[in-house]
Amino acid sequence: MEIPAQSLLDRFDISAEDLSLLQECGRVLGSTTIERVVDRFHEWLLQQPESRAFFNSEAEVDRVSNLQKAYWGVFLARRRSALRRIPSPPR
C-alpha cells in the first residue's frame, strides 16, 4: 500500500500557504544556490569517516548529489511530484 501525496500533506499539516512559501524560497535561492548548498554538504559529509560506509565511489557520491539537487529544485518549486508516493510502514 502506498501513501498519496495529499495524505502526507494532511498528516504533516502542510497547507497551500506553506507550499507557496516553499516556492518563494526556491525562487529567492535559485538553482545555483541549491546546487552550491548540496555540493558543500557533500564535501563536509565525505570528511566524516562514517560516510564511507554509505558511498563506495566518487561516482556514487556524484549520483546521489545530482539526485538531491534535482529533488530540492522540484521541492522548492512547490511541485507535488516532489512528494512521491511512499510505501506505508509495515504493521
Protein backbone atom coordinates (compact mmCIF):
# COMPACT_ATOMS: atom_id res chain seq x y z
CA MET A 1 0.00 0.00 0.00
CA GLU A 2 1.25 3.49 -0.88
CA ILE A 3 0.52 6.81 0.76
CA PRO A 4 -0.66 9.51 -1.68
CA ALA A 5 0.97 12.96 -1.59
CA GLN A 6 -2.19 14.67 -0.30
CA SER A 7 -2.28 12.26 2.61
CA LEU A 8 1.28 13.26 3.53
CA LEU A 9 0.40 16.95 3.28
CA ASP A 10 -2.57 16.37 5.55
CA ARG A 11 -0.61 14.23 8.01
CA PHE A 12 2.09 16.86 8.47
CA ASP A 13 -0.39 19.76 8.34
CA ILE A 14 1.23 21.34 5.27
CA SER A 15 -1.07 23.96 3.81
CA ALA A 16 -1.30 25.60 0.40
CA GLU A 17 0.26 28.68 2.04
CA ASP A 18 3.20 26.55 3.22
CA LEU A 19 3.69 25.27 -0.33
CA SER A 20 3.60 28.85 -1.62
CA LEU A 21 6.29 29.82 0.89
CA LEU A 22 8.43 26.92 -0.33
CA GLN A 23 8.00 28.15 -3.88
CA GLU A 24 9.09 31.65 -2.83
CA CYS A 25 12.15 30.16 -1.06
CA GLY A 26 13.07 28.32 -4.23
CA ARG A 27 12.69 31.48 -6.28
CA VAL A 28 14.83 33.52 -3.89
CA LEU A 29 17.52 30.86 -3.52
CA GLY A 30 17.66 29.89 -7.17
CA SER A 31 19.08 26.68 -8.59
CA THR A 32 22.68 27.87 -8.34
CA THR A 33 22.41 28.31 -4.56
CA ILE A 34 20.67 24.97 -4.14
CA GLU A 35 23.44 23.26 -6.09
CA ARG A 36 26.11 25.02 -4.05
CA VAL A 37 24.48 24.01 -0.75
CA VAL A 38 24.23 20.36 -1.82
CA ASP A 39 27.85 20.39 -3.02
CA ARG A 40 29.10 21.89 0.24
CA PHE A 41 27.06 19.40 2.26
CA HIS A 42 28.63 16.50 0.35
CA GLU A 43 32.11 17.98 0.78
CA TRP A 44 31.50 18.08 4.54
CA LEU A 45 29.87 14.65 4.57
CA LEU A 46 32.82 13.00 2.84
CA GLN A 47 35.14 14.32 5.54
CA GLN A 48 33.20 12.25 8.09
CA PRO A 49 34.73 8.77 8.45
CA GLU A 50 31.31 7.16 8.79
CA SER A 51 30.24 8.36 5.37
CA ARG A 52 32.44 5.81 3.62
CA ALA A 53 30.03 3.12 4.82
CA PHE A 54 27.38 4.65 2.55
CA PHE A 55 29.38 5.66 -0.52
CA ASN A 56 31.63 3.19 -2.31
CA SER A 57 32.91 5.52 -5.00
CA GLU A 58 33.08 9.13 -6.14
CA ALA A 59 30.64 8.24 -8.92
CA GLU A 60 28.10 7.14 -6.33
CA VAL A 61 28.55 10.41 -4.40
CA ASP A 62 28.03 12.35 -7.65
CA ARG A 63 24.90 10.35 -8.46
CA VAL A 64 23.37 10.98 -5.01
CA SER A 65 24.36 14.65 -5.15
CA ASN A 66 22.69 15.09 -8.55
CA LEU A 67 19.53 13.36 -7.29
CA GLN A 68 19.41 15.67 -4.28
CA LYS A 69 19.87 18.77 -6.43
CA ALA A 70 17.00 17.67 -8.66
CA TYR A 71 14.79 16.80 -5.68
CA TRP A 72 15.34 20.10 -3.86
CA GLY A 73 14.83 22.06 -7.07
CA VAL A 74 11.47 20.37 -7.60
CA PHE A 75 10.51 20.53 -3.92
CA LEU A 76 11.26 24.23 -3.62
CA ALA A 77 9.33 24.87 -6.82
CA ARG A 78 6.31 23.58 -4.88
CA ARG A 79 5.59 20.73 -7.23
CA ARG A 80 3.67 17.92 -5.62
CA SER A 81 5.67 15.44 -7.65
CA ALA A 82 8.41 16.07 -5.10
CA LEU A 83 6.21 14.37 -2.55
CA ARG A 84 6.44 10.99 -4.13
CA ARG A 85 4.17 8.23 -3.12
CA ILE A 86 5.90 6.24 -0.46
CA PRO A 87 5.07 2.85 0.97
CA SER A 88 3.26 2.85 4.26
CA PRO A 89 5.21 1.43 7.20
CA PRO A 90 4.82 -2.30 7.84
CA ARG A 91 2.50 -3.28 10.65
